[in-house]
C-alpha cells in the first residue's frame, strides 16, 4: 500500500478512536447530566390546563440521572411517556445543551365521563381511561350511564373500555361533534349532559336503538342506534337527525314545554310535558 494511503487509513482509525473517547467523555460528564424529572409539558389546550400537574403522574420518567448524550435516552423517554394515560403520542424529543430536554406531545382530550356504580372515569373518544374518580363532568363532558347494569370489567387509568355499550355512546358523541365542526351547532345552546344506553330492568343487545341524550334543560332526545351498529343504516344520518332537531327548535324555542323528542323516524315525534 502506498505510504499516502497507509497514512490516510491511520488517520481515519485515529479519528474514530478520538470520536469514541469524546463521546464517552461527554456521556460521563456531570455537566451534561439530566435529572429524572427534567421533562416538562408545554402549552396546553384550555381543557387540559387544570390537569397540568397530573399529566406526567406515575413512576419517574427516567430511573436515575442520565447523560444528555446517552444514545438510548430518547427511546427510554418515549417509552415512559407513552405509558402515561394522558399521552397519546410523543411527536419529538429535543436535547437542549447542556442539560435540558424538551418533549413535544400529542395529548388525549377527554370527551365524556363514564359513570358506573361509584366510579367516574374520564375517557377520550376511543374509550381510553384518562383518570378515575374524575371531577370532570357536564356540560363540557357528558356523563355516560348504563341504567340498571354494572360493568363486569372497569379499566384502570391507561386502559380502554371494550364494552360495546360505552363505545356506542362515545360514537354518538363523536358523530355529533363531527356534524358540529361542519357548521350544524344546534346543541351549542342546549348541551348534552347525559348519554343513557339501555333502560333499567331491560336486557339490551349490542346495537339496539335505545340511546338517549339528556339535554341541559332536561329534555330527553331518543337518538336511536349509534354508527357502530350495523342497523344504523335503517335510521337517519346524524346530520339529518340534528337538522330535524334544529327545525323543532325554531318551532319550540329552547324546547320549552317538551319532555321528549324521538329522532329515530323521518318525522320526529314530540312528547309535551305532562305537568
Protein backbone atom coordinates (compact mmCIF):
# COMPACT_ATOMS: atom_id res chain seq x y z
CA UNK A 1 0.00 0.00 0.00
CA UNK A 2 1.40 3.43 -0.90
CA UNK A 3 2.61 5.47 2.03
CA UNK A 4 -0.04 8.16 1.44
CA UNK A 5 -2.84 5.59 1.53
CA UNK A 6 -1.50 3.98 4.70
CA UNK A 7 -1.35 7.40 6.36
CA UNK A 8 -4.99 8.08 5.43
CA UNK A 9 -6.08 4.76 7.00
CA UNK A 10 -4.14 5.51 10.20
CA UNK A 11 -5.66 8.99 10.43
CA UNK A 12 -9.14 7.58 9.86
CA UNK A 13 -8.72 4.99 12.62
CA UNK A 14 -7.27 7.60 14.94
CA UNK A 15 -10.21 9.90 14.23
CA UNK A 16 -12.71 7.12 15.02
CA UNK A 17 -10.85 6.38 18.24
CA UNK A 18 -10.81 10.05 19.29
CA UNK A 19 -14.52 10.46 18.48
CA UNK A 20 -15.25 7.44 20.68
CA UNK A 21 -13.24 8.97 23.51
CA UNK A 22 -15.07 12.27 23.07
CA UNK A 23 -18.46 10.56 23.18
CA UNK A 24 -17.51 8.69 26.33
CA UNK A 25 -16.25 11.89 27.93
CA UNK A 26 -19.46 13.77 27.06
CA UNK A 27 -21.65 10.91 28.26
CA UNK A 28 -19.82 10.69 31.59
CA UNK A 29 -19.52 14.42 32.18
CA UNK A 30 -21.70 15.75 35.04
CA UNK A 31 -22.15 18.96 33.01
CA UNK A 32 -24.42 17.13 30.55
CA UNK A 33 -26.31 15.05 33.09
CA UNK A 34 -30.07 15.48 33.30
CA UNK A 35 -32.16 14.56 36.31
CA UNK A 36 -35.13 12.18 36.41
CA UNK A 37 -37.75 14.96 36.22
CA UNK A 38 -36.38 17.30 33.56
CA UNK A 39 -39.17 16.70 31.03
CA UNK A 40 -41.91 19.34 31.06
CA UNK A 41 -45.28 19.81 29.36
CA UNK A 42 -45.54 23.00 27.28
CA UNK A 43 -48.64 24.89 26.15
CA UNK A 44 -51.89 23.03 26.77
CA UNK A 45 -55.42 23.41 25.40
CA UNK A 46 -57.68 25.08 27.99
CA UNK A 47 -59.49 21.83 28.80
CA UNK A 48 -56.22 20.27 29.98
CA UNK A 49 -54.68 23.25 31.78
CA UNK A 50 -56.21 22.19 35.12
CA UNK A 51 -54.61 18.75 34.64
CA UNK A 52 -51.06 20.04 34.13
CA UNK A 53 -49.75 18.61 37.40
CA UNK A 54 -51.10 15.11 36.79
CA UNK A 55 -50.32 14.64 33.10
CA UNK A 56 -46.99 13.02 33.85
CA UNK A 57 -48.00 11.37 37.12
CA UNK A 58 -46.51 7.94 37.70
CA UNK A 59 -43.06 6.44 38.18
CA UNK A 60 -40.10 8.69 37.31
CA UNK A 61 -39.66 9.15 33.58
CA UNK A 62 -36.03 8.10 33.99
CA UNK A 63 -34.77 5.59 36.52
CA UNK A 64 -31.91 7.87 37.51
CA UNK A 65 -29.57 10.61 36.25
CA UNK A 66 -28.73 10.19 32.57
CA UNK A 67 -26.42 11.90 30.15
CA UNK A 68 -27.85 14.18 27.51
CA UNK A 69 -25.71 12.23 25.03
CA UNK A 70 -26.93 8.78 26.08
CA UNK A 71 -27.95 7.13 22.76
CA UNK A 72 -30.88 5.35 24.42
CA UNK A 73 -32.22 8.43 26.21
CA UNK A 74 -34.86 9.39 23.62
CA UNK A 75 -36.15 5.83 23.26
CA UNK A 76 -36.45 5.36 27.03
CA UNK A 77 -38.20 8.72 27.48
CA UNK A 78 -40.63 7.97 24.65
CA UNK A 79 -41.50 4.59 26.12
CA UNK A 80 -42.04 6.03 29.62
CA UNK A 81 -44.16 8.94 28.40
CA UNK A 82 -46.42 6.89 26.16
CA UNK A 83 -47.34 4.74 29.16
CA UNK A 84 -48.90 7.81 30.78
CA UNK A 85 -52.73 7.82 30.45
CA UNK A 86 -52.92 11.39 29.11
CA UNK A 87 -50.22 10.96 26.42
CA UNK A 88 -51.36 9.77 23.01
CA UNK A 89 -48.04 10.13 21.21
CA UNK A 90 -44.56 11.61 21.62
CA UNK A 91 -44.00 13.68 18.48
CA UNK A 92 -40.41 14.70 19.13
CA UNK A 93 -37.72 14.85 21.81
CA UNK A 94 -35.24 17.72 21.64
CA UNK A 95 -31.91 17.81 23.51
CA UNK A 96 -31.03 21.26 24.83
CA UNK A 97 -27.43 21.87 25.87
CA UNK A 98 -26.12 21.48 28.45
CA UNK A 99 -28.69 19.52 30.48
CA UNK A 100 -32.22 20.14 29.17
CA UNK A 101 -34.92 18.14 27.38
CA UNK A 102 -37.98 19.45 25.55
CA UNK A 103 -40.70 16.98 24.67
CA UNK A 104 -43.45 17.63 22.10
CA UNK A 105 -46.54 15.60 22.96
CA UNK A 106 -49.90 14.83 21.43
CA UNK A 107 -52.24 14.56 24.40
CA UNK A 108 -55.54 12.77 24.76
CA UNK A 109 -58.56 15.03 25.22
CA UNK A 110 -61.46 13.98 27.48
CA UNK A 111 -64.77 13.53 25.68
CA UNK A 112 -67.05 12.12 28.40
CA UNK A 113 -67.23 10.65 31.89
CA UNK A 114 -68.38 7.03 32.28
CA UNK A 115 -70.44 6.65 35.48
CA UNK A 116 -70.78 3.11 36.77
CA UNK A 117 -71.50 2.45 40.42
CA UNK A 118 -69.37 4.89 42.38
CA UNK A 119 -66.83 5.18 39.54
CA UNK A 120 -66.40 8.34 37.45
CA UNK A 121 -63.97 7.61 34.65
CA UNK A 122 -62.89 10.37 32.28
CA UNK A 123 -62.38 8.90 28.80
CA UNK A 124 -61.24 10.13 25.40
CA UNK A 125 -63.07 9.44 22.14
CA UNK A 126 -61.67 5.89 21.93
CA UNK A 127 -62.75 4.88 25.45
CA UNK A 128 -59.20 5.21 26.83
CA UNK A 129 -59.42 5.98 30.57
CA UNK A 130 -57.58 9.19 31.44
CA UNK A 131 -58.38 9.38 35.13
CA UNK A 132 -60.56 7.58 37.64
CA UNK A 133 -62.57 9.37 40.31
CA UNK A 134 -62.72 12.31 37.91
CA UNK A 135 -64.21 15.68 38.79
CA UNK A 136 -64.87 16.42 35.14
CA UNK A 137 -68.49 16.49 34.07
CA UNK A 138 -71.32 18.32 32.27
CA UNK A 139 -71.77 20.43 30.33
CA UNK A 140 -68.28 20.15 28.82
CA UNK A 141 -68.05 16.39 29.38
CA UNK A 142 -71.37 14.48 29.27
CA UNK A 143 -71.91 11.57 31.64
CA UNK A 144 -72.38 8.12 30.10
CA UNK A 145 -74.72 5.91 32.12
CA UNK A 146 -75.86 2.32 31.69
CA UNK A 147 -79.13 2.21 33.71
CA UNK A 148 -79.68 -0.84 35.83
CA UNK A 149 -76.39 -2.52 34.97
CA UNK A 150 -72.87 -2.75 36.29
CA UNK A 151 -69.81 -3.33 34.17
CA UNK A 152 -68.10 -6.71 34.67
CA UNK A 153 -64.75 -5.09 33.88
CA UNK A 154 -63.82 -1.49 34.68
CA UNK A 155 -60.48 -0.47 33.12
CA UNK A 156 -57.88 1.36 35.17
CA UNK A 157 -56.14 4.55 34.10
CA UNK A 158 -54.33 4.00 30.82
CA UNK A 159 -56.55 1.09 29.72
CA UNK A 160 -59.54 1.27 27.37
CA UNK A 161 -63.19 0.28 27.56
CA UNK A 162 -64.07 -2.59 25.28
CA UNK A 163 -67.73 -2.98 26.21
CA UNK A 164 -69.90 -2.09 23.23
CA UNK A 165 -72.39 -0.01 25.28
CA UNK A 166 -69.76 2.54 26.28
CA UNK A 167 -68.22 2.62 22.80
CA UNK A 168 -71.66 3.16 21.24
CA UNK A 169 -72.26 6.18 23.48
CA UNK A 170 -68.87 7.61 22.52
CA UNK A 171 -69.62 7.02 18.83
CA UNK A 172 -72.80 9.12 19.13
CA UNK A 173 -70.88 11.95 20.80
CA UNK A 174 -68.18 11.77 18.10
CA UNK A 175 -70.81 11.91 15.34
CA UNK A 176 -72.44 14.96 16.93
CA UNK A 177 -69.06 16.70 17.28
CA UNK A 178 -68.24 15.92 13.64
CA UNK A 179 -71.50 17.48 12.47
CA UNK A 180 -70.95 20.50 14.73
CA UNK A 181 -67.49 21.08 13.22
CA UNK A 182 -69.08 21.27 9.77
CA UNK A 183 -71.45 24.03 10.90
CA UNK A 184 -74.58 22.41 12.41
CA UNK A 185 -74.30 23.65 16.01
CA UNK A 186 -77.85 23.00 17.15
CA UNK A 187 -76.71 21.66 20.55
CA UNK A 188 -74.36 24.54 21.27
CA UNK A 189 -77.03 26.34 23.33
CA UNK A 190 -78.52 23.11 24.71
CA UNK A 191 -75.50 20.94 25.52
CA UNK A 192 -75.77 17.23 26.24
CA UNK A 193 -75.31 16.44 29.93
CA UNK A 194 -76.00 12.70 29.86
CA UNK A 195 -75.96 9.76 27.45
CA UNK A 196 -78.02 6.77 28.56
CA UNK A 197 -77.50 3.42 26.89
CA UNK A 198 -80.28 0.92 27.58
CA UNK A 199 -83.13 1.10 30.04
CA UNK A 200 -83.28 -0.01 33.64
CA UNK A 201 -84.53 -3.57 34.05
CA UNK A 202 -84.37 -4.37 30.34
CA UNK A 203 -81.85 -6.68 28.73
CA UNK A 204 -80.03 -4.94 25.90
CA UNK A 205 -78.43 -6.37 22.78
CA UNK A 206 -75.47 -4.58 21.23
CA UNK A 207 -76.67 -2.08 18.65
CA UNK A 208 -80.24 -1.78 19.98
CA UNK A 209 -81.83 1.56 19.18
CA UNK A 210 -82.22 2.87 22.71
CA UNK A 211 -79.51 5.51 23.12
CA UNK A 212 -80.99 8.54 24.81
CA UNK A 213 -79.49 12.00 25.22
CA UNK A 214 -80.42 14.28 28.10
CA UNK A 215 -80.01 17.98 27.35
CA UNK A 216 -79.08 20.67 29.86
CA UNK A 217 -82.72 21.80 30.14
CA UNK A 218 -83.87 18.26 30.98
CA UNK A 219 -85.35 17.41 27.57
CA UNK A 220 -84.75 13.77 26.59
CA UNK A 221 -83.79 13.06 22.98
CA UNK A 222 -84.22 9.48 21.80
CA UNK A 223 -81.30 9.21 19.40
CA UNK A 224 -81.52 5.58 18.33
CA UNK A 225 -78.62 3.47 17.17
CA UNK A 226 -75.02 4.56 17.10
CA UNK A 227 -72.95 4.44 13.93
CA UNK A 228 -71.22 1.34 15.35
CA UNK A 229 -74.42 -0.65 14.92
CA UNK A 230 -74.81 -2.36 11.52
CA UNK A 231 -78.52 -1.50 11.71
CA UNK A 232 -77.88 2.25 11.90
CA UNK A 233 -78.29 2.36 8.10
CA UNK A 234 -82.04 2.00 8.65
CA UNK A 235 -82.14 5.24 10.63
CA UNK A 236 -81.40 8.81 9.69
CA UNK A 237 -77.86 10.03 9.32
CA UNK A 238 -76.60 12.00 12.38
CA UNK A 239 -76.62 15.21 10.33
CA UNK A 240 -80.25 14.68 9.35
CA UNK A 241 -81.24 13.99 12.95
CA UNK A 242 -79.62 17.22 14.09
CA UNK A 243 -81.17 19.19 11.22
CA UNK A 244 -84.62 17.95 12.29
CA UNK A 245 -83.86 18.89 15.88
CA UNK A 246 -82.85 22.37 14.69
CA UNK A 247 -86.19 22.75 12.91
CA UNK A 248 -88.02 21.72 16.08
CA UNK A 249 -86.08 24.38 18.00
CA UNK A 250 -87.33 27.03 15.60
CA UNK A 251 -90.91 25.92 16.35
CA UNK A 252 -90.37 25.44 20.11
CA UNK A 253 -87.54 27.81 21.13
CA UNK A 254 -85.50 26.15 23.83
CA UNK A 255 -87.85 23.14 23.55
CA UNK A 256 -89.88 24.75 26.32
CA UNK A 257 -92.83 22.55 27.24
CA UNK A 258 -91.26 19.46 25.62
CA UNK A 259 -90.46 16.34 27.63
CA UNK A 260 -89.05 14.08 24.92
CA UNK A 261 -88.15 14.11 21.23
CA UNK A 262 -87.77 10.91 19.20
CA UNK A 263 -85.35 11.41 16.29
CA UNK A 264 -85.34 7.84 15.01
CA UNK A 265 -88.09 8.43 12.46
CA UNK A 266 -88.17 10.64 9.37
CA UNK A 267 -90.83 12.72 11.09
CA UNK A 268 -89.65 13.30 14.67
CA UNK A 269 -92.13 12.56 17.42
CA UNK A 270 -92.58 15.25 20.07
CA UNK A 271 -93.95 14.48 23.54
CA UNK A 272 -95.08 17.54 25.53
CA UNK A 273 -94.59 17.80 29.27
CA UNK A 274 -97.50 16.45 31.22
CA UNK A 275 -97.07 18.66 34.25
